[in-house]
Amino acid sequence: MLIDAHLHCTGDETTRDVLRTLDDAEVDIGVLLAPFLSPGYSLADAESLTRANRHLAKLVKDHPDRIVGFAVVNPTHPGAVAELQRAVDDGLRGVKMVPSGWYPYDDAVQPVFARAAQLKLPVLFHSGIFIDGRSGRFCRPSFYEVMRDHPGARTALAHVGWPWTDEAIAVGLIDRIHGVPDAHAAFRFDLSFGPPPPYRKAVLQLALEVLGPGLLQFGSDCFLPCSGQQLRERRGWLEDLLNELQVGADAQNRIFSGTAADWLGRPFSKHAPFKLGSGRWSPVCC
């Protein structure tokens, strides 16, 4: 099984587009985020996020085995808790949030976090420098420690918090210190590359040595609609680094499927190995 745990919708994709891309990239399950960075959508505009979540709910409706939809919610908006509940009732199975003008530890946003925990949702946060060049100051990894006050939510921090990667690793280390099993850890970290190429090997090596593969998961961070080739290329970036670091097949299997399966609450068999080659994954038959 191969899971891409970080795919952006733009509002221009169709279900057929998405399935074709996943098939071409040999991805079994794609985690799709409702559009919020594309023209017509904005984190500051509650109505546009409602439209975005409805678009995604329709897109994933008939294919829960292949595509998992994550609502995008701004927890500072009046009615944000109700919007999250409505999106889940419509069939979305997780939530993405981006601190932009608010801090994760603010009292005002805790009700949305509490509802996510009550619903036992996988939660994905942006962490680190943000694309607008202004909001990164709200997204430092240590600010998300407040999620430990909301057991039940399964939190993933995108991009390993770059440039605060040491801080991100420290946030995840707490569960390691206390011997919490991977599947029950409060935090996971997606390897959609925030670090620019010169930093990637060092960041990955540290994350592997301190956290282990059971808290790391692959995400392409591609924007749909896109080609399967683009997803394969980004997967190849990570495969190349893992191979260079001589990471074994079982650990790679966790990164490319097992960690995200735990996060999504889906079955995962560590006995479903993959064969490496040419920057691609192929199931090992029989």
Protein backbone atom coordinates (compact mmCIF):
# COMPACT_ATOMS: atom_id res chain seq x y z
CA MET A 1 0.00 0.00 0.00
CA LEU A 2 1.19 3.50 -0.83
CA ILE A 3 -0.43 6.56 0.78
CA ASP A 4 0.13 10.16 -0.29
CA ALA A 5 -0.85 12.00 2.88
CA HIS A 6 -0.73 15.58 1.55
CA LEU A 7 -2.47 16.58 -1.69
CA HIS A 8 -4.00 20.00 -2.33
CA CYS A 9 -7.22 20.54 -4.22
CA THR A 10 -7.62 23.74 -6.20
CA GLY A 11 -11.31 23.46 -7.05
CA ASP A 12 -10.49 22.74 -10.69
CA GLU A 13 -10.10 18.96 -10.33
CA THR A 14 -12.72 16.28 -10.91
CA THR A 15 -12.98 12.87 -9.31
CA ARG A 16 -11.87 11.33 -12.58
CA ASP A 17 -8.80 13.62 -12.64
CA VAL A 18 -7.83 12.58 -9.12
CA LEU A 19 -8.25 8.85 -9.68
CA ARG A 20 -6.30 9.00 -12.93
CA THR A 21 -3.43 10.79 -11.16
CA LEU A 22 -3.40 8.30 -8.30
CA ASP A 23 -3.47 5.38 -10.72
CA ASP A 24 -0.66 6.82 -12.85
CA ALA A 25 1.43 7.41 -9.72
CA GLU A 26 0.63 3.96 -8.27
CA VAL A 27 -0.82 5.60 -5.15
CA ASP A 28 -3.41 3.51 -3.34
CA ILE A 29 -4.85 6.22 -1.08
CA GLY A 30 -4.65 10.00 -1.45
CA VAL A 31 -5.40 12.48 1.34
CA LEU A 32 -7.02 15.50 -0.33
CA LEU A 33 -7.23 18.92 1.30
CA ALA A 34 -10.09 21.27 0.42
CA PRO A 35 -8.93 24.27 -1.63
CA PHE A 36 -7.84 27.34 0.27
CA LEU A 37 -4.88 28.76 -1.68
CA SER A 38 -6.49 28.97 -5.12
CA PRO A 39 -8.35 31.91 -6.69
CA GLY A 40 -11.82 32.18 -5.19
CA TYR A 41 -10.82 30.59 -1.88
CA SER A 42 -9.25 32.16 1.19
CA LEU A 43 -8.55 31.25 4.78
CA ALA A 44 -10.00 34.65 5.70
CA ASP A 45 -13.32 34.01 3.91
CA ALA A 46 -15.58 31.59 5.79
CA GLU A 47 -18.06 31.31 2.92
CA SER A 48 -15.31 30.30 0.50
CA LEU A 49 -14.12 27.57 2.88
CA THR A 50 -17.65 26.22 3.10
CA ARG A 51 -17.76 26.05 -0.71
CA ALA A 52 -14.35 24.40 -0.70
CA ASN A 53 -15.43 21.73 1.77
CA ARG A 54 -18.62 21.03 -0.18
CA HIS A 55 -16.63 20.69 -3.40
CA LEU A 56 -14.34 18.16 -1.76
CA ALA A 57 -17.19 16.22 -0.15
CA LYS A 58 -18.77 15.70 -3.58
CA LEU A 59 -15.42 14.75 -5.09
CA VAL A 60 -14.62 11.99 -2.58
CA LYS A 61 -18.18 10.75 -2.02
CA ASP A 62 -18.13 7.52 -4.03
CA HIS A 63 -14.49 6.52 -3.50
CA PRO A 64 -13.73 6.28 0.23
CA ASP A 65 -11.32 3.43 -0.46
CA ARG A 66 -9.07 5.64 -2.61
CA ILE A 67 -9.49 9.26 -1.53
CA VAL A 68 -9.82 10.72 1.96
CA GLY A 69 -11.12 14.27 2.18
CA PHE A 70 -9.90 16.77 4.77
CA ALA A 71 -11.96 19.88 5.48
CA VAL A 72 -10.14 23.19 5.77
CA VAL A 73 -11.39 25.23 8.71
CA ASN A 74 -10.33 28.58 10.14
CA PRO A 75 -11.00 28.08 13.87
CA THR A 76 -11.28 31.83 14.52
CA HIS A 77 -14.41 32.14 12.39
CA PRO A 78 -17.78 32.25 14.15
CA GLY A 79 -19.44 28.94 13.43
CA ALA A 80 -16.15 27.11 12.82
CA VAL A 81 -17.16 24.20 15.08
CA ALA A 82 -20.45 23.84 13.22
CA GLU A 83 -18.62 23.98 9.86
CA LEU A 84 -16.28 21.20 10.92
CA GLN A 85 -19.21 19.07 12.06
CA ARG A 86 -21.10 19.74 8.83
CA ALA A 87 -18.09 18.79 6.73
CA VAL A 88 -17.70 15.52 8.63
CA ASP A 89 -21.42 14.82 8.27
CA ASP A 90 -20.93 15.34 4.52
CA GLY A 91 -18.26 12.65 4.43
CA LEU A 92 -14.94 14.40 5.07
CA ARG A 93 -12.71 12.45 7.41
CA GLY A 94 -10.09 14.87 8.69
CA VAL A 95 -9.25 18.55 8.99
CA LYS A 96 -6.44 20.84 7.83
CA MET A 97 -5.76 24.09 9.65
CA VAL A 98 -3.23 26.83 8.96
CA PRO A 99 -2.49 29.37 11.70
CA SER A 100 -2.71 32.68 9.87
CA GLY A 101 -3.31 35.57 12.25
CA TRP A 102 -3.84 33.23 15.22
CA TYR A 103 -1.70 31.05 17.43
CA PRO A 104 -2.53 27.39 18.12
CA TYR A 105 -2.50 28.03 21.87
CA ASP A 106 -5.10 30.86 21.66
CA ASP A 107 -8.16 30.18 23.80
CA ALA A 108 -10.46 31.16 20.93
CA VAL A 109 -9.43 28.22 18.72
CA GLN A 110 -9.60 25.47 21.34
CA PRO A 111 -13.29 24.62 20.71
CA VAL A 112 -12.49 23.49 17.17
CA PHE A 113 -9.57 21.39 18.43
CA ALA A 114 -11.88 19.90 21.08
CA ARG A 115 -14.47 18.92 18.46
CA ALA A 116 -11.76 17.35 16.29
CA ALA A 117 -10.67 15.31 19.32
CA GLN A 118 -14.25 14.35 20.13
CA LEU A 119 -14.67 13.10 16.56
CA LYS A 120 -11.24 11.38 16.72
CA LEU A 121 -10.20 13.10 13.52
CA PRO A 122 -6.76 13.08 11.96
CA VAL A 123 -5.61 16.71 11.99
CA LEU A 124 -3.01 18.21 9.68
CA PHE A 125 -1.39 21.53 10.53
CA HIS A 126 0.94 23.58 8.45
CA SER A 127 4.15 24.05 10.42
CA GLY A 128 7.11 26.24 9.60
CA ILE A 129 7.49 29.03 7.06
CA PHE A 130 4.25 29.68 5.17
CA ILE A 131 3.77 30.43 1.50
CA ASP A 132 2.50 33.98 2.10
CA GLY A 133 5.84 34.99 3.64
CA ARG A 134 4.10 36.54 6.64
CA SER A 135 2.31 33.84 8.64
CA GLY A 136 5.23 31.60 9.53
CA ARG A 137 5.54 33.25 12.93
CA PHE A 138 2.22 31.63 13.92
CA CYS A 139 3.31 28.14 12.86
CA ARG A 140 6.26 27.21 15.08
CA PRO A 141 6.14 23.53 16.04
CA SER A 142 6.19 24.09 19.80
CA PHE A 143 2.96 26.09 19.55
CA TYR A 144 1.16 22.83 18.71
CA GLU A 145 1.99 21.25 22.06
CA VAL A 146 -1.48 22.42 23.08
CA MET A 147 -2.87 19.49 21.07
CA ARG A 148 -1.81 17.25 23.96
CA ASP A 149 -4.74 18.86 25.81
CA HIS A 150 -7.04 17.27 23.21
CA PRO A 151 -6.45 13.51 23.32
CA GLY A 152 -8.32 11.80 20.53
CA ALA A 153 -7.12 14.13 17.79
CA ARG A 154 -4.32 12.56 15.76
CA THR A 155 -2.05 15.44 14.82
CA ALA A 156 0.42 15.63 11.94
CA LEU A 157 2.77 18.57 11.42
CA ALA A 158 3.63 19.21 7.79
CA HIS A 159 7.14 19.84 6.46
CA VAL A 160 8.79 18.79 9.75
CA GLY A 161 8.37 22.44 10.76
CA TRP A 162 11.21 23.77 8.62
CA PRO A 163 13.21 25.88 9.48
CA TRP A 164 12.38 24.89 13.08
CA THR A 165 13.06 21.22 12.45
CA ASP A 166 14.90 20.63 15.74
CA GLU A 167 11.91 22.08 17.54
CA ALA A 168 9.52 19.84 15.60
CA ILE A 169 11.57 16.75 16.42
CA ALA A 170 11.58 17.78 20.09
CA VAL A 171 7.77 17.97 20.06
CA GLY A 172 7.59 14.41 18.77
CA LEU A 173 10.31 13.16 21.11
CA ILE A 174 8.06 13.47 24.18
CA ASP A 175 6.10 10.36 23.20
CA ARG A 176 9.36 8.54 22.53
CA ILE A 177 10.62 9.41 26.02
CA HIS A 178 7.42 8.04 27.57
CA GLY A 179 7.36 4.89 25.46
CA VAL A 180 4.09 5.68 23.67
CA PRO A 181 3.53 3.26 20.77
CA ASP A 182 3.65 4.82 17.30
CA ALA A 183 -0.04 4.23 16.62
CA HIS A 184 -1.01 6.19 19.76
CA ALA A 185 1.48 9.04 19.45
CA ALA A 186 0.09 12.57 19.70
CA PHE A 187 2.21 13.81 16.77
CA ARG A 188 3.39 12.63 13.38
CA PHE A 189 5.40 14.56 10.83
CA ASP A 190 4.85 14.61 7.12
CA LEU A 191 7.82 14.63 4.81
CA SER A 192 6.31 16.91 2.19
CA PHE A 193 9.51 18.83 1.77
CA GLY A 194 9.60 22.19 3.47
CA PRO A 195 13.39 22.06 3.73
CA PRO A 196 15.11 23.15 0.50
CA PRO A 197 17.29 20.46 -1.13
CA PRO A 198 20.56 21.29 0.72
CA TYR A 199 18.84 20.67 4.10
CA ARG A 200 16.78 17.58 3.30
CA LYS A 201 19.23 14.77 3.96
CA ALA A 202 20.33 16.16 7.33
CA VAL A 203 16.74 16.82 8.45
CA LEU A 204 15.58 13.38 7.38
CA GLN A 205 18.52 11.66 9.05
CA LEU A 206 17.88 13.43 12.36
CA ALA A 207 14.16 12.72 12.24
CA LEU A 208 14.81 9.05 11.55
CA GLU A 209 17.39 8.72 14.31
CA VAL A 210 15.35 10.53 16.97
CA LEU A 211 11.73 9.76 16.06
CA GLY A 212 11.98 6.66 13.89
CA PRO A 213 9.99 5.84 10.75
CA GLY A 214 6.78 5.18 12.70
CA LEU A 215 6.25 8.92 13.21
CA LEU A 216 7.16 9.97 9.65
CA GLN A 217 4.90 9.84 6.61
CA PHE A 218 5.12 10.66 2.92
CA GLY A 219 3.21 13.55 1.40
CA SER A 220 3.84 14.98 -2.06
CA ASP A 221 2.30 18.44 -1.39
CA CYS A 222 1.21 18.47 -5.06
CA PHE A 223 -1.63 20.68 -6.26
CA LEU A 224 -4.37 18.94 -8.24
CA PRO A 225 -5.10 18.53 -11.04
CA CYS A 226 -1.60 17.31 -11.84
CA SER A 227 0.05 14.38 -13.55
CA GLY A 228 0.97 11.12 -11.90
CA GLN A 229 4.50 11.83 -13.04
CA GLN A 230 4.68 14.81 -10.68
CA LEU A 231 3.71 12.63 -7.71
CA ARG A 232 6.20 9.95 -8.75
CA GLU A 233 8.95 12.56 -9.03
CA ARG A 234 8.36 13.84 -5.51
CA ARG A 235 8.19 10.33 -4.13
CA GLY A 236 11.48 9.70 -5.90
CA TRP A 237 13.10 12.61 -4.04
CA LEU A 238 12.32 10.89 -0.75
CA GLU A 239 13.19 7.40 -1.97
CA ASP A 240 16.58 8.58 -3.17
CA LEU A 241 17.39 10.09 0.22
CA LEU A 242 16.17 7.02 2.11
CA ASN A 243 18.28 4.78 -0.07
CA GLU A 244 21.29 7.06 0.37
CA LEU A 245 20.80 6.78 4.13
CA GLN A 246 20.51 2.99 3.75
CA VAL A 247 17.05 2.88 5.31
CA GLY A 248 15.67 -0.66 5.14
CA ALA A 249 12.55 -1.83 3.35
CA ASP A 250 10.45 -2.25 6.53
CA ALA A 251 11.20 1.31 7.65
CA GLN A 252 10.45 2.65 4.18
CA ASN A 253 7.19 0.75 4.20
CA ARG A 254 6.22 2.56 7.41
CA ILE A 255 7.05 5.95 5.91
CA PHE A 256 5.21 5.34 2.65
CA SER A 257 2.13 3.69 4.14
CA GLY A 258 2.12 2.47 7.74
CA THR A 259 2.43 5.75 9.61
CA ALA A 260 -0.29 7.41 7.55
CA ALA A 261 -2.53 4.33 7.86
CA ASP A 262 -2.33 4.65 11.66
CA TRP A 263 -3.02 8.37 11.40
CA LEU A 264 -6.08 7.79 9.23
CA GLY A 265 -7.30 4.91 11.37
CA ARG A 266 -6.96 2.44 8.50
CA PRO A 267 -5.72 -1.14 8.58
CA PHE A 268 -2.07 -1.65 7.78
CA SER A 269 -0.15 -4.87 7.37
CA LYS A 270 3.59 -4.73 7.89
CA HIS A 271 3.68 -7.97 5.93
CA ALA A 272 2.85 -6.19 2.64
CA PRO A 273 6.40 -5.42 1.46
CA PHE A 274 7.52 -3.30 -1.44
CA LYS A 275 10.41 -3.66 -3.83
CA LEU A 276 12.64 -0.69 -4.51
CA GLY A 277 13.76 0.26 -7.97
CA SER A 278 14.11 3.21 -10.34
CA GLY A 279 12.51 5.64 -7.91
CA ARG A 280 9.25 3.66 -7.95
CA TRP A 281 7.49 1.25 -5.63
CA SER A 282 6.19 -2.09 -6.91
CA PRO A 283 4.36 -4.70 -4.81
CA VAL A 284 6.36 -7.85 -4.26
CA CYS A 285 4.20 -10.63 -5.62
CA CYS A 286 3.56 -13.80 -3.57
